[in-house]
Amino acid sequence: MSLPRRFSLIVCALLSYSATHVALAQSSAEQHANTTTPPPQMPVLKEIPGVTSWNTLAMVKQKKVKNQILPAFAKEVVALDKREIKVQGFMMPLEPGEKQKHFLLSIYPQSCSYCLPAGPEGVVEVNAKTPVKYTFEPVVISGTMEILQDDPMGLYYRMNNAAISK
């Protein structure tokens, strides 16, 4: 057997072996989708009275409409639309600088600069009234919740006129 052919067979065998593990990992990840149970070693946010729970925000399924996957929110979530609420989470900056006027709030802390720490049910886009000092600690944000039915970026939630809650 020629060297190039042997090399090609080895490469094909390695690729098929690694593809099997990727497929198995994806199946496992899909089984755990839409859950608010943190991955191992992630801090858990304690429930705070008067603060909307991430478990409530997770009450969303996905539906296929034409060629799009859109959210189908539970009535408890729809009831939050255009209401002043509070949400606790971890800041994920979207702008440079120490103070942020536009950022994401997530159920989990950011662990990778290039990745979202949660799915769309675990992230809220925040537009603050005034800049908020970035912190690694959990914060409680109050603002007007907007439930997004068909956001081009795939987000489900946005808070406007937001501020740090005292």
Protein backbone atom coordinates (compact mmCIF):
# COMPACT_ATOMS: atom_id res chain seq x y z
CA MET A 1 0.00 0.00 0.00
CA SER A 2 1.43 3.39 -0.96
CA LEU A 3 2.34 5.92 1.71
CA PRO A 4 -0.21 8.61 0.61
CA ARG A 5 -3.01 6.03 0.60
CA ARG A 6 -2.03 4.73 4.06
CA PHE A 7 -1.87 8.31 5.36
CA SER A 8 -5.34 9.03 3.94
CA LEU A 9 -6.79 5.93 5.61
CA ILE A 10 -5.27 6.88 8.96
CA VAL A 11 -6.63 10.42 8.70
CA CYS A 12 -10.11 9.09 7.80
CA ALA A 13 -10.05 6.66 10.74
CA LEU A 14 -9.04 9.42 13.17
CA LEU A 15 -11.70 11.79 11.87
CA SER A 16 -14.46 9.18 12.12
CA TYR A 17 -13.33 8.28 15.66
CA SER A 18 -13.38 11.91 16.80
CA ALA A 19 -16.69 12.61 15.01
CA THR A 20 -18.31 9.80 17.02
CA HIS A 21 -17.30 11.48 20.28
CA VAL A 22 -18.55 14.88 19.07
CA ALA A 23 -21.91 13.33 18.11
CA LEU A 24 -22.20 11.64 21.50
CA ALA A 25 -21.34 14.89 23.29
CA GLN A 26 -23.96 16.78 21.29
CA SER A 27 -26.63 14.24 22.14
CA SER A 28 -25.77 14.57 25.81
CA ALA A 29 -25.80 18.37 25.60
CA GLU A 30 -29.20 18.37 23.88
CA GLN A 31 -30.63 16.27 26.71
CA HIS A 32 -29.63 18.98 29.18
CA ALA A 33 -30.92 21.94 27.13
CA ASN A 34 -33.45 24.32 28.72
CA THR A 35 -32.40 23.55 32.26
CA THR A 36 -31.35 25.99 34.92
CA THR A 37 -29.14 23.50 36.77
CA PRO A 38 -25.63 24.94 36.75
CA PRO A 39 -22.73 22.97 35.34
CA PRO A 40 -20.42 21.55 38.02
CA GLN A 41 -18.40 24.17 39.92
CA MET A 42 -20.58 27.09 38.78
CA PRO A 43 -21.91 29.37 41.51
CA VAL A 44 -25.61 29.01 42.21
CA LEU A 45 -27.69 32.16 42.61
CA LYS A 46 -29.92 32.04 45.67
CA GLU A 47 -33.58 32.92 45.17
CA ILE A 48 -34.38 36.43 46.47
CA PRO A 49 -37.97 37.43 47.34
CA GLY A 50 -39.27 40.05 44.88
CA VAL A 51 -36.69 39.11 42.24
CA THR A 52 -37.83 37.21 39.14
CA SER A 53 -36.40 33.70 39.18
CA TRP A 54 -34.36 32.28 36.32
CA ASN A 55 -36.63 29.23 36.65
CA THR A 56 -39.51 31.47 35.54
CA LEU A 57 -37.49 32.83 32.60
CA ALA A 58 -36.65 29.25 31.62
CA MET A 59 -40.36 28.51 31.05
CA VAL A 60 -40.02 28.69 27.28
CA LYS A 61 -40.05 26.09 24.56
CA GLN A 62 -39.04 26.39 20.95
CA LYS A 63 -41.41 26.11 18.00
CA LYS A 64 -40.69 25.89 14.30
CA VAL A 65 -42.49 28.53 12.23
CA LYS A 66 -41.76 28.28 8.51
CA ASN A 67 -37.95 28.17 8.41
CA GLN A 68 -37.37 29.73 11.83
CA ILE A 69 -37.09 28.44 15.37
CA LEU A 70 -39.01 30.87 17.61
CA PRO A 71 -39.69 30.95 21.35
CA ALA A 72 -43.03 29.83 22.76
CA PHE A 73 -43.27 31.49 26.18
CA ALA A 74 -45.34 30.20 29.09
CA LYS A 75 -48.10 32.52 30.32
CA GLU A 76 -46.02 33.31 33.44
CA VAL A 77 -43.29 34.72 31.21
CA VAL A 78 -45.67 36.60 28.89
CA ALA A 79 -47.13 38.29 32.00
CA LEU A 80 -43.72 39.95 32.60
CA ASP A 81 -43.77 41.83 29.27
CA LYS A 82 -43.63 45.64 29.68
CA ARG A 83 -43.54 45.28 33.47
CA GLU A 84 -40.98 46.67 35.91
CA ILE A 85 -39.15 43.64 37.35
CA LYS A 86 -35.88 42.68 39.04
CA VAL A 87 -33.49 39.98 37.87
CA GLN A 88 -30.32 38.78 39.60
CA GLY A 89 -27.35 37.63 37.57
CA PHE A 90 -23.79 38.08 36.38
CA MET A 91 -22.76 40.94 34.10
CA MET A 92 -21.24 40.24 30.72
CA PRO A 93 -19.89 43.47 29.17
CA LEU A 94 -20.65 44.36 25.57
CA GLU A 95 -18.65 47.61 25.53
CA PRO A 96 -15.10 48.48 26.50
CA GLY A 97 -14.54 50.25 29.80
CA GLU A 98 -15.19 49.92 33.50
CA LYS A 99 -18.78 51.22 33.29
CA GLN A 100 -21.38 49.57 31.09
CA LYS A 101 -24.61 51.00 29.68
CA HIS A 102 -25.29 48.00 27.43
CA PHE A 103 -24.49 44.51 28.74
CA LEU A 104 -25.86 41.01 29.18
CA LEU A 105 -27.07 39.63 32.49
CA SER A 106 -26.71 35.86 32.80
CA ILE A 107 -27.66 33.12 35.19
CA TYR A 108 -24.01 31.96 35.13
CA PRO A 109 -20.74 33.93 35.26
CA GLN A 110 -18.79 34.36 32.05
CA SER A 111 -16.18 31.64 31.70
CA CYS A 112 -15.05 32.25 28.11
CA SER A 113 -14.57 35.57 26.33
CA TYR A 114 -16.08 34.19 23.14
CA CYS A 115 -19.02 32.18 24.48
CA LEU A 116 -22.39 32.90 26.02
CA PRO A 117 -22.57 31.29 29.46
CA ALA A 118 -26.17 30.11 28.95
CA GLY A 119 -28.81 29.63 26.29
CA PRO A 120 -31.22 32.41 25.33
CA GLU A 121 -33.48 31.59 28.29
CA GLY A 122 -30.57 32.28 30.66
CA VAL A 123 -29.51 35.69 29.28
CA VAL A 124 -31.12 39.15 29.45
CA GLU A 125 -29.90 42.06 27.30
CA VAL A 126 -29.71 45.17 29.50
CA ASN A 127 -29.95 48.81 28.40
CA ALA A 128 -29.15 50.86 31.50
CA LYS A 129 -30.33 54.42 32.21
CA THR A 130 -26.87 55.33 33.44
CA PRO A 131 -23.59 53.41 33.19
CA VAL A 132 -23.18 50.56 35.68
CA LYS A 133 -19.78 49.66 37.12
CA TYR A 134 -18.74 46.19 35.93
CA THR A 135 -18.32 43.53 38.60
CA PHE A 136 -17.67 39.79 38.72
CA GLU A 137 -20.14 39.47 41.61
CA PRO A 138 -23.87 38.86 41.06
CA VAL A 139 -26.01 42.00 40.79
CA VAL A 140 -29.74 42.68 40.93
CA ILE A 141 -30.96 44.78 38.01
CA SER A 142 -34.38 46.44 37.87
CA GLY A 143 -35.95 47.66 34.66
CA THR A 144 -38.78 47.26 32.18
CA MET A 145 -38.80 43.73 30.81
CA GLU A 146 -39.38 43.21 27.12
CA ILE A 147 -40.24 39.70 25.92
CA LEU A 148 -38.75 39.25 22.43
CA GLN A 149 -40.83 37.11 20.10
CA ASP A 150 -38.56 37.26 17.03
CA ASP A 151 -35.23 38.91 17.86
CA PRO A 152 -32.72 38.83 14.96
CA MET A 153 -29.91 38.04 17.43
CA GLY A 154 -31.82 35.13 18.98
CA LEU A 155 -32.36 36.80 22.36
CA TYR A 156 -35.53 36.17 24.37
CA TYR A 157 -35.35 38.99 26.94
CA ARG A 158 -34.38 42.66 27.13
CA MET A 159 -34.52 45.09 30.07
CA ASN A 160 -34.80 48.79 29.28
CA ASN A 161 -34.33 51.82 31.56
CA ALA A 162 -32.44 49.47 33.85
CA ALA A 163 -30.43 50.26 36.97
CA ILE A 164 -28.74 48.46 39.84
CA SER A 165 -31.41 47.66 42.40
CA LYS A 166 -30.81 48.69 45.98
